[in-house]
mmCIF file of all heavy atoms, coordinates in Angstrom:
data_MODEL
# 
_entry.id   MODEL 
# 
loop_
_atom_site.group_PDB 
_atom_site.id 
_atom_site.type_symbol 
_atom_site.label_atom_id 
_atom_site.label_alt_id 
_atom_site.label_comp_id 
_atom_site.label_asym_id 
_atom_site.label_entity_id 
_atom_site.label_seq_id 
_atom_site.pdbx_PDB_ins_code 
_atom_site.Cartn_x 
_atom_site.Cartn_y 
_atom_site.Cartn_z 
_atom_site.occupancy 
_atom_site.B_iso_or_equiv 
_atom_site.pdbx_formal_charge 
_atom_site.auth_seq_id 
_atom_site.auth_comp_id 
_atom_site.auth_asym_id 
_atom_site.auth_atom_id 
_atom_site.pdbx_PDB_model_num 
ATOM 1   N N   . TRP A 1 1  ? -32.258 -45.754 -82.964  1.00 0.00 ? 1  TRP A N   1 
ATOM 2   C CA  . TRP A 1 1  ? -32.280 -46.978 -83.762  1.00 0.00 ? 1  TRP A CA  1 
ATOM 3   C C   . TRP A 1 1  ? -31.253 -46.838 -84.882  1.00 0.00 ? 1  TRP A C   1 
ATOM 4   O O   . TRP A 1 1  ? -31.167 -45.794 -85.547  1.00 0.00 ? 1  TRP A O   1 
ATOM 5   C CB  . TRP A 1 1  ? -33.653 -47.221 -84.366  1.00 0.00 ? 1  TRP A CB  1 
ATOM 6   C CG  . TRP A 1 1  ? -34.685 -47.706 -83.405  1.00 0.00 ? 1  TRP A CG  1 
ATOM 7   C CD1 . TRP A 1 1  ? -35.604 -46.961 -82.736  1.00 0.00 ? 1  TRP A CD1 1 
ATOM 8   C CD2 . TRP A 1 1  ? -34.908 -49.061 -82.994  1.00 0.00 ? 1  TRP A CD2 1 
ATOM 9   N NE1 . TRP A 1 1  ? -36.383 -47.757 -81.939  1.00 0.00 ? 1  TRP A NE1 1 
ATOM 10  C CE2 . TRP A 1 1  ? -35.977 -49.058 -82.079  1.00 0.00 ? 1  TRP A CE2 1 
ATOM 11  C CE3 . TRP A 1 1  ? -34.314 -50.283 -83.313  1.00 0.00 ? 1  TRP A CE3 1 
ATOM 12  C CZ2 . TRP A 1 1  ? -36.464 -50.226 -81.476  1.00 0.00 ? 1  TRP A CZ2 1 
ATOM 13  C CZ3 . TRP A 1 1  ? -34.795 -51.439 -82.705  1.00 0.00 ? 1  TRP A CZ3 1 
ATOM 14  C CH2 . TRP A 1 1  ? -35.861 -51.400 -81.801  1.00 0.00 ? 1  TRP A CH2 1 
ATOM 15  N N   . PHE A 1 2  ? -30.507 -47.901 -85.065  1.00 0.00 ? 2  PHE A N   1 
ATOM 16  C CA  . PHE A 1 2  ? -29.515 -47.974 -86.130  1.00 0.00 ? 2  PHE A CA  1 
ATOM 17  C C   . PHE A 1 2  ? -29.731 -49.282 -86.887  1.00 0.00 ? 2  PHE A C   1 
ATOM 18  O O   . PHE A 1 2  ? -30.432 -50.176 -86.405  1.00 0.00 ? 2  PHE A O   1 
ATOM 19  C CB  . PHE A 1 2  ? -28.094 -47.942 -85.553  1.00 0.00 ? 2  PHE A CB  1 
ATOM 20  C CG  . PHE A 1 2  ? -27.732 -46.637 -84.921  1.00 0.00 ? 2  PHE A CG  1 
ATOM 21  C CD1 . PHE A 1 2  ? -28.189 -46.308 -83.649  1.00 0.00 ? 2  PHE A CD1 1 
ATOM 22  C CD2 . PHE A 1 2  ? -26.934 -45.729 -85.589  1.00 0.00 ? 2  PHE A CD2 1 
ATOM 23  C CE1 . PHE A 1 2  ? -27.869 -45.092 -83.062  1.00 0.00 ? 2  PHE A CE1 1 
ATOM 24  C CE2 . PHE A 1 2  ? -26.597 -44.510 -85.005  1.00 0.00 ? 2  PHE A CE2 1 
ATOM 25  C CZ  . PHE A 1 2  ? -27.068 -44.199 -83.741  1.00 0.00 ? 2  PHE A CZ  1 
ATOM 26  N N   . ARG A 1 3  ? -29.125 -49.377 -88.063  1.00 0.00 ? 3  ARG A N   1 
ATOM 27  C CA  . ARG A 1 3  ? -29.223 -50.636 -88.800  1.00 0.00 ? 3  ARG A CA  1 
ATOM 28  C C   . ARG A 1 3  ? -27.941 -50.879 -89.567  1.00 0.00 ? 3  ARG A C   1 
ATOM 29  O O   . ARG A 1 3  ? -27.210 -49.953 -89.888  1.00 0.00 ? 3  ARG A O   1 
ATOM 30  C CB  . ARG A 1 3  ? -30.413 -50.610 -89.756  1.00 0.00 ? 3  ARG A CB  1 
ATOM 31  C CG  . ARG A 1 3  ? -30.316 -49.585 -90.886  1.00 0.00 ? 3  ARG A CG  1 
ATOM 32  C CD  . ARG A 1 3  ? -31.621 -49.557 -91.674  1.00 0.00 ? 3  ARG A CD  1 
ATOM 33  N NE  . ARG A 1 3  ? -31.562 -48.590 -92.768  1.00 0.00 ? 3  ARG A NE  1 
ATOM 34  C CZ  . ARG A 1 3  ? -32.608 -48.268 -93.525  1.00 0.00 ? 3  ARG A CZ  1 
ATOM 35  N NH1 . ARG A 1 3  ? -33.797 -48.845 -93.318  1.00 0.00 ? 3  ARG A NH1 1 
ATOM 36  N NH2 . ARG A 1 3  ? -32.470 -47.380 -94.493  1.00 0.00 ? 3  ARG A NH2 1 
ATOM 37  N N   . ARG A 1 4  ? -27.703 -52.171 -89.815  1.00 0.00 ? 4  ARG A N   1 
ATOM 38  C CA  . ARG A 1 4  ? -26.538 -52.567 -90.608  1.00 0.00 ? 4  ARG A CA  1 
ATOM 39  C C   . ARG A 1 4  ? -27.007 -53.554 -91.657  1.00 0.00 ? 4  ARG A C   1 
ATOM 40  O O   . ARG A 1 4  ? -27.430 -54.665 -91.318  1.00 0.00 ? 4  ARG A O   1 
ATOM 41  C CB  . ARG A 1 4  ? -25.450 -53.186 -89.739  1.00 0.00 ? 4  ARG A CB  1 
ATOM 42  C CG  . ARG A 1 4  ? -24.163 -53.449 -90.519  1.00 0.00 ? 4  ARG A CG  1 
ATOM 43  C CD  . ARG A 1 4  ? -23.221 -54.333 -89.736  1.00 0.00 ? 4  ARG A CD  1 
ATOM 44  N NE  . ARG A 1 4  ? -22.822 -53.761 -88.472  1.00 0.00 ? 4  ARG A NE  1 
ATOM 45  C CZ  . ARG A 1 4  ? -21.782 -52.953 -88.310  1.00 0.00 ? 4  ARG A CZ  1 
ATOM 46  N NH1 . ARG A 1 4  ? -21.050 -52.605 -89.345  1.00 0.00 ? 4  ARG A NH1 1 
ATOM 47  N NH2 . ARG A 1 4  ? -21.477 -52.497 -87.112  1.00 0.00 ? 4  ARG A NH2 1 
ATOM 48  N N   . ALA A 1 5  ? -26.917 -53.132 -92.907  1.00 0.00 ? 5  ALA A N   1 
ATOM 49  C CA  . ALA A 1 5  ? -27.259 -54.003 -94.037  1.00 0.00 ? 5  ALA A CA  1 
ATOM 50  C C   . ALA A 1 5  ? -26.030 -54.834 -94.386  1.00 0.00 ? 5  ALA A C   1 
ATOM 51  O O   . ALA A 1 5  ? -24.899 -54.461 -94.038  1.00 0.00 ? 5  ALA A O   1 
ATOM 52  C CB  . ALA A 1 5  ? -27.696 -53.153 -95.224  1.00 0.00 ? 5  ALA A CB  1 
ATOM 53  N N   . PRO A 1 6  ? -26.235 -55.952 -95.067  1.00 0.00 ? 6  PRO A N   1 
ATOM 54  C CA  . PRO A 1 6  ? -25.104 -56.791 -95.455  1.00 0.00 ? 6  PRO A CA  1 
ATOM 55  C C   . PRO A 1 6  ? -24.038 -56.010 -96.219  1.00 0.00 ? 6  PRO A C   1 
ATOM 56  O O   . PRO A 1 6  ? -24.353 -55.266 -97.147  1.00 0.00 ? 6  PRO A O   1 
ATOM 57  C CB  . PRO A 1 6  ? -25.743 -57.863 -96.332  1.00 0.00 ? 6  PRO A CB  1 
ATOM 58  C CG  . PRO A 1 6  ? -27.155 -57.935 -95.863  1.00 0.00 ? 6  PRO A CG  1 
ATOM 59  C CD  . PRO A 1 6  ? -27.531 -56.535 -95.484  1.00 0.00 ? 6  PRO A CD  1 
ATOM 60  N N   . GLU A 1 7  ? -22.810 -56.144 -95.774  1.00 0.00 ? 7  GLU A N   1 
ATOM 61  C CA  . GLU A 1 7  ? -21.648 -55.528 -96.417  1.00 0.00 ? 7  GLU A CA  1 
ATOM 62  C C   . GLU A 1 7  ? -21.699 -54.000 -96.428  1.00 0.00 ? 7  GLU A C   1 
ATOM 63  O O   . GLU A 1 7  ? -21.061 -53.351 -97.253  1.00 0.00 ? 7  GLU A O   1 
ATOM 64  C CB  . GLU A 1 7  ? -21.478 -56.065 -97.842  1.00 0.00 ? 7  GLU A CB  1 
ATOM 65  C CG  . GLU A 1 7  ? -21.287 -57.576 -97.878  1.00 0.00 ? 7  GLU A CG  1 
ATOM 66  C CD  . GLU A 1 7  ? -21.077 -58.103 -99.275  1.00 0.00 ? 7  GLU A CD  1 
ATOM 67  O OE1 . GLU A 1 7  ? -21.101 -57.311 -100.226 1.00 0.00 ? 7  GLU A OE1 1 
ATOM 68  O OE2 . GLU A 1 7  ? -20.885 -59.315 -99.414  1.00 0.00 ? 7  GLU A OE2 1 
ATOM 69  N N   . LYS A 1 8  ? -22.456 -53.433 -95.500  1.00 0.00 ? 8  LYS A N   1 
ATOM 70  C CA  . LYS A 1 8  ? -22.517 -51.977 -95.384  1.00 0.00 ? 8  LYS A CA  1 
ATOM 71  C C   . LYS A 1 8  ? -22.226 -51.557 -93.945  1.00 0.00 ? 8  LYS A C   1 
ATOM 72  O O   . LYS A 1 8  ? -22.329 -52.357 -93.020  1.00 0.00 ? 8  LYS A O   1 
ATOM 73  C CB  . LYS A 1 8  ? -23.888 -51.452 -95.808  1.00 0.00 ? 8  LYS A CB  1 
ATOM 74  C CG  . LYS A 1 8  ? -24.177 -51.609 -97.284  1.00 0.00 ? 8  LYS A CG  1 
ATOM 75  C CD  . LYS A 1 8  ? -25.452 -50.892 -97.665  1.00 0.00 ? 8  LYS A CD  1 
ATOM 76  C CE  . LYS A 1 8  ? -25.711 -50.972 -99.165  1.00 0.00 ? 8  LYS A CE  1 
ATOM 77  N NZ  . LYS A 1 8  ? -26.963 -50.261 -99.549  1.00 0.00 ? 8  LYS A NZ  1 
ATOM 78  N N   . ALA A 1 9  ? -21.869 -50.314 -93.793  1.00 0.00 ? 9  ALA A N   1 
ATOM 79  C CA  . ALA A 1 9  ? -21.606 -49.787 -92.466  1.00 0.00 ? 9  ALA A CA  1 
ATOM 80  C C   . ALA A 1 9  ? -22.920 -49.567 -91.708  1.00 0.00 ? 9  ALA A C   1 
ATOM 81  O O   . ALA A 1 9  ? -23.985 -49.395 -92.310  1.00 0.00 ? 9  ALA A O   1 
ATOM 82  C CB  . ALA A 1 9  ? -20.839 -48.470 -92.564  1.00 0.00 ? 9  ALA A CB  1 
ATOM 83  N N   . ARG A 1 10 ? -22.819 -49.559 -90.410  1.00 0.00 ? 10 ARG A N   1 
ATOM 84  C CA  . ARG A 1 10 ? -23.997 -49.259 -89.592  1.00 0.00 ? 10 ARG A CA  1 
ATOM 85  C C   . ARG A 1 10 ? -24.446 -47.840 -89.874  1.00 0.00 ? 10 ARG A C   1 
ATOM 86  O O   . ARG A 1 10 ? -23.610 -46.932 -89.982  1.00 0.00 ? 10 ARG A O   1 
ATOM 87  C CB  . ARG A 1 10 ? -23.643 -49.434 -88.124  1.00 0.00 ? 10 ARG A CB  1 
ATOM 88  C CG  . ARG A 1 10 ? -24.808 -49.248 -87.178  1.00 0.00 ? 10 ARG A CG  1 
ATOM 89  C CD  . ARG A 1 10 ? -24.440 -49.700 -85.774  1.00 0.00 ? 10 ARG A CD  1 
ATOM 90  N NE  . ARG A 1 10 ? -23.324 -48.970 -85.220  1.00 0.00 ? 10 ARG A NE  1 
ATOM 91  C CZ  . ARG A 1 10 ? -22.673 -49.334 -84.128  1.00 0.00 ? 10 ARG A CZ  1 
ATOM 92  N NH1 . ARG A 1 10 ? -23.026 -50.433 -83.484  1.00 0.00 ? 10 ARG A NH1 1 
ATOM 93  N NH2 . ARG A 1 10 ? -21.664 -48.609 -83.679  1.00 0.00 ? 10 ARG A NH2 1 
ATOM 94  N N   . GLU A 1 11 ? -25.755 -47.648 -89.959  1.00 0.00 ? 11 GLU A N   1 
ATOM 95  C CA  . GLU A 1 11 ? -26.270 -46.315 -90.245  1.00 0.00 ? 11 GLU A CA  1 
ATOM 96  C C   . GLU A 1 11 ? -27.384 -45.942 -89.266  1.00 0.00 ? 11 GLU A C   1 
ATOM 97  O O   . GLU A 1 11 ? -28.105 -46.799 -88.751  1.00 0.00 ? 11 GLU A O   1 
ATOM 98  C CB  . GLU A 1 11 ? -26.801 -46.206 -91.678  1.00 0.00 ? 11 GLU A CB  1 
ATOM 99  C CG  . GLU A 1 11 ? -28.028 -47.026 -91.971  1.00 0.00 ? 11 GLU A CG  1 
ATOM 100 C CD  . GLU A 1 11 ? -28.660 -46.690 -93.315  1.00 0.00 ? 11 GLU A CD  1 
ATOM 101 O OE1 . GLU A 1 11 ? -28.334 -45.632 -93.898  1.00 0.00 ? 11 GLU A OE1 1 
ATOM 102 O OE2 . GLU A 1 11 ? -29.503 -47.483 -93.773  1.00 0.00 ? 11 GLU A OE2 1 
ATOM 103 N N   . PHE A 1 12 ? -27.490 -44.649 -89.039  1.00 0.00 ? 12 PHE A N   1 
ATOM 104 C CA  . PHE A 1 12 ? -28.527 -44.101 -88.181  1.00 0.00 ? 12 PHE A CA  1 
ATOM 105 C C   . PHE A 1 12 ? -29.885 -44.218 -88.859  1.00 0.00 ? 12 PHE A C   1 
ATOM 106 O O   . PHE A 1 12 ? -30.002 -43.966 -90.062  1.00 0.00 ? 12 PHE A O   1 
ATOM 107 C CB  . PHE A 1 12 ? -28.196 -42.633 -87.907  1.00 0.00 ? 12 PHE A CB  1 
ATOM 108 C CG  . PHE A 1 12 ? -29.282 -41.856 -87.223  1.00 0.00 ? 12 PHE A CG  1 
ATOM 109 C CD1 . PHE A 1 12 ? -29.485 -41.976 -85.860  1.00 0.00 ? 12 PHE A CD1 1 
ATOM 110 C CD2 . PHE A 1 12 ? -30.096 -41.003 -87.951  1.00 0.00 ? 12 PHE A CD2 1 
ATOM 111 C CE1 . PHE A 1 12 ? -30.476 -41.256 -85.229  1.00 0.00 ? 12 PHE A CE1 1 
ATOM 112 C CE2 . PHE A 1 12 ? -31.093 -40.269 -87.331  1.00 0.00 ? 12 PHE A CE2 1 
ATOM 113 C CZ  . PHE A 1 12 ? -31.285 -40.401 -85.963  1.00 0.00 ? 12 PHE A CZ  1 
ATOM 114 N N   . VAL A 1 13 ? -30.893 -44.590 -88.090  1.00 0.00 ? 13 VAL A N   1 
ATOM 115 C CA  . VAL A 1 13 ? -32.256 -44.668 -88.591  1.00 0.00 ? 13 VAL A CA  1 
ATOM 116 C C   . VAL A 1 13 ? -33.109 -43.555 -87.989  1.00 0.00 ? 13 VAL A C   1 
ATOM 117 O O   . VAL A 1 13 ? -33.758 -42.793 -88.704  1.00 0.00 ? 13 VAL A O   1 
ATOM 118 C CB  . VAL A 1 13 ? -32.892 -46.039 -88.280  1.00 0.00 ? 13 VAL A CB  1 
ATOM 119 C CG1 . VAL A 1 13 ? -34.360 -46.054 -88.696  1.00 0.00 ? 13 VAL A CG1 1 
ATOM 120 C CG2 . VAL A 1 13 ? -32.118 -47.153 -88.969  1.00 0.00 ? 13 VAL A CG2 1 
ATOM 121 N N   . GLY A 1 14 ? -33.113 -43.473 -86.682  1.00 0.00 ? 14 GLY A N   1 
ATOM 122 C CA  . GLY A 1 14 ? -33.924 -42.460 -86.021  1.00 0.00 ? 14 GLY A CA  1 
ATOM 123 C C   . GLY A 1 14 ? -33.604 -42.404 -84.544  1.00 0.00 ? 14 GLY A C   1 
ATOM 124 O O   . GLY A 1 14 ? -32.930 -43.288 -84.011  1.00 0.00 ? 14 GLY A O   1 
ATOM 125 N N   . ALA A 1 15 ? -34.086 -41.355 -83.894  1.00 0.00 ? 15 ALA A N   1 
ATOM 126 C CA  . ALA A 1 15 ? -33.805 -41.169 -82.481  1.00 0.00 ? 15 ALA A CA  1 
ATOM 127 C C   . ALA A 1 15 ? -34.983 -40.493 -81.796  1.00 0.00 ? 15 ALA A C   1 
ATOM 128 O O   . ALA A 1 15 ? -35.799 -39.833 -82.437  1.00 0.00 ? 15 ALA A O   1 
ATOM 129 C CB  . ALA A 1 15 ? -32.540 -40.319 -82.286  1.00 0.00 ? 15 ALA A CB  1 
ATOM 130 N N   . ILE A 1 16 ? -35.030 -40.676 -80.482  1.00 0.00 ? 16 ILE A N   1 
ATOM 131 C CA  . ILE A 1 16 ? -36.096 -40.070 -79.693  1.00 0.00 ? 16 ILE A CA  1 
ATOM 132 C C   . ILE A 1 16 ? -35.506 -39.590 -78.378  1.00 0.00 ? 16 ILE A C   1 
ATOM 133 O O   . ILE A 1 16 ? -34.623 -40.239 -77.804  1.00 0.00 ? 16 ILE A O   1 
ATOM 134 C CB  . ILE A 1 16 ? -37.256 -41.067 -79.472  1.00 0.00 ? 16 ILE A CB  1 
ATOM 135 C CG1 . ILE A 1 16 ? -38.449 -40.385 -78.813  1.00 0.00 ? 16 ILE A CG1 1 
ATOM 136 C CG2 . ILE A 1 16 ? -36.798 -42.295 -78.687  1.00 0.00 ? 16 ILE A CG2 1 
ATOM 137 C CD1 . ILE A 1 16 ? -39.728 -41.212 -78.866  1.00 0.00 ? 16 ILE A CD1 1 
ATOM 138 N N   . SER A 1 17 ? -35.982 -38.450 -77.915  1.00 0.00 ? 17 SER A N   1 
ATOM 139 C CA  . SER A 1 17 ? -35.502 -37.902 -76.660  1.00 0.00 ? 17 SER A CA  1 
ATOM 140 C C   . SER A 1 17 ? -36.058 -38.694 -75.473  1.00 0.00 ? 17 SER A C   1 
ATOM 141 O O   . SER A 1 17 ? -36.991 -39.482 -75.620  1.00 0.00 ? 17 SER A O   1 
ATOM 142 C CB  . SER A 1 17 ? -35.924 -36.433 -76.539  1.00 0.00 ? 17 SER A CB  1 
ATOM 143 O OG  . SER A 1 17 ? -37.346 -36.327 -76.559  1.00 0.00 ? 17 SER A OG  1 
ATOM 144 N N   . GLY A 1 18 ? -35.499 -38.445 -74.311  1.00 0.00 ? 18 GLY A N   1 
ATOM 145 C CA  . GLY A 1 18 ? -35.939 -39.160 -73.117  1.00 0.00 ? 18 GLY A CA  1 
ATOM 146 C C   . GLY A 1 18 ? -37.401 -38.914 -72.776  1.00 0.00 ? 18 GLY A C   1 
ATOM 147 O O   . GLY A 1 18 ? -38.106 -39.821 -72.323  1.00 0.00 ? 18 GLY A O   1 
ATOM 148 N N   . SER A 1 19 ? -37.854 -37.704 -73.014  1.00 0.00 ? 19 SER A N   1 
ATOM 149 C CA  . SER A 1 19 ? -39.251 -37.372 -72.738  1.00 0.00 ? 19 SER A CA  1 
ATOM 150 C C   . SER A 1 19 ? -40.189 -37.890 -73.809  1.00 0.00 ? 19 SER A C   1 
ATOM 151 O O   . SER A 1 19 ? -41.401 -37.973 -73.594  1.00 0.00 ? 19 SER A O   1 
ATOM 152 C CB  . SER A 1 19 ? -39.410 -35.855 -72.618  1.00 0.00 ? 19 SER A CB  1 
ATOM 153 O OG  . SER A 1 19 ? -39.172 -35.242 -73.868  1.00 0.00 ? 19 SER A OG  1 
ATOM 154 N N   . GLY A 1 20 ? -39.642 -38.181 -74.979  1.00 0.00 ? 20 GLY A N   1 
ATOM 155 C CA  . GLY A 1 20 ? -40.469 -38.593 -76.117  1.00 0.00 ? 20 GLY A CA  1 
ATOM 156 C C   . GLY A 1 20 ? -40.987 -37.434 -76.941  1.00 0.00 ? 20 GLY A C   1 
ATOM 157 O O   . GLY A 1 20 ? -41.682 -37.638 -77.932  1.00 0.00 ? 20 GLY A O   1 
ATOM 158 N N   . SER A 1 21 ? -40.648 -36.206 -76.556  1.00 0.00 ? 21 SER A N   1 
ATOM 159 C CA  . SER A 1 21 ? -41.193 -35.032 -77.233  1.00 0.00 ? 21 SER A CA  1 
ATOM 160 C C   . SER A 1 21 ? -40.486 -34.705 -78.538  1.00 0.00 ? 21 SER A C   1 
ATOM 161 O O   . SER A 1 21 ? -41.011 -33.960 -79.366  1.00 0.00 ? 21 SER A O   1 
ATOM 162 C CB  . SER A 1 21 ? -41.117 -33.817 -76.311  1.00 0.00 ? 21 SER A CB  1 
ATOM 163 O OG  . SER A 1 21 ? -39.767 -33.527 -75.971  1.00 0.00 ? 21 SER A OG  1 
ATOM 164 N N   . SER A 1 22 ? -39.278 -35.238 -78.711  1.00 0.00 ? 22 SER A N   1 
ATOM 165 C CA  . SER A 1 22 ? -38.488 -34.927 -79.907  1.00 0.00 ? 22 SER A CA  1 
ATOM 166 C C   . SER A 1 22 ? -38.071 -36.206 -80.595  1.00 0.00 ? 22 SER A C   1 
ATOM 167 O O   . SER A 1 22 ? -37.610 -37.150 -79.936  1.00 0.00 ? 22 SER A O   1 
ATOM 168 C CB  . SER A 1 22 ? -37.238 -34.134 -79.534  1.00 0.00 ? 22 SER A CB  1 
ATOM 169 O OG  . SER A 1 22 ? -37.574 -32.938 -78.858  1.00 0.00 ? 22 SER A OG  1 
ATOM 170 N N   . THR A 1 23 ? -38.231 -36.207 -81.916  1.00 0.00 ? 23 THR A N   1 
ATOM 171 C CA  . THR A 1 23 ? -37.776 -37.339 -82.721  1.00 0.00 ? 23 THR A CA  1 
ATOM 172 C C   . THR A 1 23 ? -37.060 -36.808 -83.960  1.00 0.00 ? 23 THR A C   1 
ATOM 173 O O   . THR A 1 23 ? -37.264 -35.653 -84.364  1.00 0.00 ? 23 THR A O   1 
ATOM 174 C CB  . THR A 1 23 ? -38.939 -38.240 -83.177  1.00 0.00 ? 23 THR A CB  1 
ATOM 175 O OG1 . THR A 1 23 ? -39.898 -37.441 -83.889  1.00 0.00 ? 23 THR A OG1 1 
ATOM 176 C CG2 . THR A 1 23 ? -39.612 -38.925 -82.000  1.00 0.00 ? 23 THR A CG2 1 
ATOM 177 N N   . TYR A 1 24 ? -36.246 -37.675 -84.528  1.00 0.00 ? 24 TYR A N   1 
ATOM 178 C CA  . TYR A 1 24 ? -35.506 -37.297 -85.730  1.00 0.00 ? 24 TYR A CA  1 
ATOM 179 C C   . TYR A 1 24 ? -35.239 -38.550 -86.534  1.00 0.00 ? 24 TYR A C   1 
ATOM 180 O O   . TYR A 1 24 ? -34.977 -39.606 -85.968  1.00 0.00 ? 24 TYR A O   1 
ATOM 181 C CB  . TYR A 1 24 ? -34.189 -36.623 -85.331  1.00 0.00 ? 24 TYR A CB  1 
ATOM 182 C CG  . TYR A 1 24 ? -33.388 -36.102 -86.512  1.00 0.00 ? 24 TYR A CG  1 
ATOM 183 C CD1 . TYR A 1 24 ? -33.735 -34.906 -87.122  1.00 0.00 ? 24 TYR A CD1 1 
ATOM 184 C CD2 . TYR A 1 24 ? -32.301 -36.811 -86.999  1.00 0.00 ? 24 TYR A CD2 1 
ATOM 185 C CE1 . TYR A 1 24 ? -33.017 -34.438 -88.205  1.00 0.00 ? 24 TYR A CE1 1 
ATOM 186 C CE2 . TYR A 1 24 ? -31.575 -36.341 -88.075  1.00 0.00 ? 24 TYR A CE2 1 
ATOM 187 C CZ  . TYR A 1 24 ? -31.927 -35.148 -88.671  1.00 0.00 ? 24 TYR A CZ  1 
ATOM 188 O OH  . TYR A 1 24 ? -31.219 -34.665 -89.746  1.00 0.00 ? 24 TYR A OH  1 
ATOM 189 N N   . TYR A 1 25 ? -35.296 -38.420 -87.872  1.00 0.00 ? 25 TYR A N   1 
ATOM 190 C CA  . TYR A 1 25 ? -35.142 -39.578 -88.742  1.00 0.00 ? 25 TYR A CA  1 
ATOM 191 C C   . TYR A 1 25 ? -34.178 -39.293 -89.873  1.00 0.00 ? 25 TYR A C   1 
ATOM 192 O O   . TYR A 1 25 ? -34.078 -38.160 -90.358  1.00 0.00 ? 25 TYR A O   1 
ATOM 193 C CB  . TYR A 1 25 ? -36.496 -39.963 -89.351  1.00 0.00 ? 25 TYR A CB  1 
ATOM 194 C CG  . TYR A 1 25 ? -37.574 -40.232 -88.331  1.00 0.00 ? 25 TYR A CG  1 
ATOM 195 C CD1 . TYR A 1 25 ? -38.417 -39.224 -87.895  1.00 0.00 ? 25 TYR A CD1 1 
ATOM 196 C CD2 . TYR A 1 25 ? -37.743 -41.510 -87.793  1.00 0.00 ? 25 TYR A CD2 1 
ATOM 197 C CE1 . TYR A 1 25 ? -39.396 -39.455 -86.948  1.00 0.00 ? 25 TYR A CE1 1 
ATOM 198 C CE2 . TYR A 1 25 ? -38.727 -41.757 -86.843  1.00 0.00 ? 25 TYR A CE2 1 
ATOM 199 C CZ  . TYR A 1 25 ? -39.545 -40.724 -86.433  1.00 0.00 ? 25 TYR A CZ  1 
ATOM 200 O OH  . TYR A 1 25 ? -40.512 -40.965 -85.494  1.00 0.00 ? 25 TYR A OH  1 
ATOM 201 N N   . THR A 1 26 ? -33.520 -40.334 -90.332  1.00 0.00 ? 26 THR A N   1 
ATOM 202 C CA  . THR A 1 26 ? -32.753 -40.189 -91.540  1.00 0.00 ? 26 THR A CA  1 
ATOM 203 C C   . THR A 1 26 ? -33.713 -40.033 -92.725  1.00 0.00 ? 26 THR A C   1 
ATOM 204 O O   . THR A 1 26 ? -34.863 -40.510 -92.678  1.00 0.00 ? 26 THR A O   1 
ATOM 205 C CB  . THR A 1 26 ? -31.827 -41.391 -91.739  1.00 0.00 ? 26 THR A CB  1 
ATOM 206 O OG1 . THR A 1 26 ? -30.883 -41.119 -92.760  1.00 0.00 ? 26 THR A OG1 1 
ATOM 207 C CG2 . THR A 1 26 ? -32.608 -42.656 -92.097  1.00 0.00 ? 26 THR A CG2 1 
ATOM 208 N N   . ASN A 1 27 ? -33.263 -39.364 -93.767  1.00 0.00 ? 27 ASN A N   1 
ATOM 209 C CA  . ASN A 1 27 ? -34.161 -39.019 -94.871  1.00 0.00 ? 27 ASN A CA  1 
ATOM 210 C C   . ASN A 1 27 ? -34.820 -40.237 -95.516  1.00 0.00 ? 27 ASN A C   1 
ATOM 211 O O   . ASN A 1 27 ? -35.980 -40.172 -95.931  1.00 0.00 ? 27 ASN A O   1 
ATOM 212 C CB  . ASN A 1 27 ? -33.405 -38.233 -95.930  1.00 0.00 ? 27 ASN A CB  1 
ATOM 213 C CG  . ASN A 1 27 ? -33.140 -36.802 -95.521  1.00 0.00 ? 27 ASN A CG  1 
ATOM 214 O OD1 . ASN A 1 27 ? -33.811 -36.258 -94.643  1.00 0.00 ? 27 ASN A OD1 1 
ATOM 215 N ND2 . ASN A 1 27 ? -32.151 -36.178 -96.129  1.00 0.00 ? 27 ASN A ND2 1 
# 
């Protein structure tokens, strides 16, 4: 998942592996 706020660059939000066993988030 990524997001783009007005007048800002797209940023990473979080990710999940194909199995669903691993996730990671921006601080």
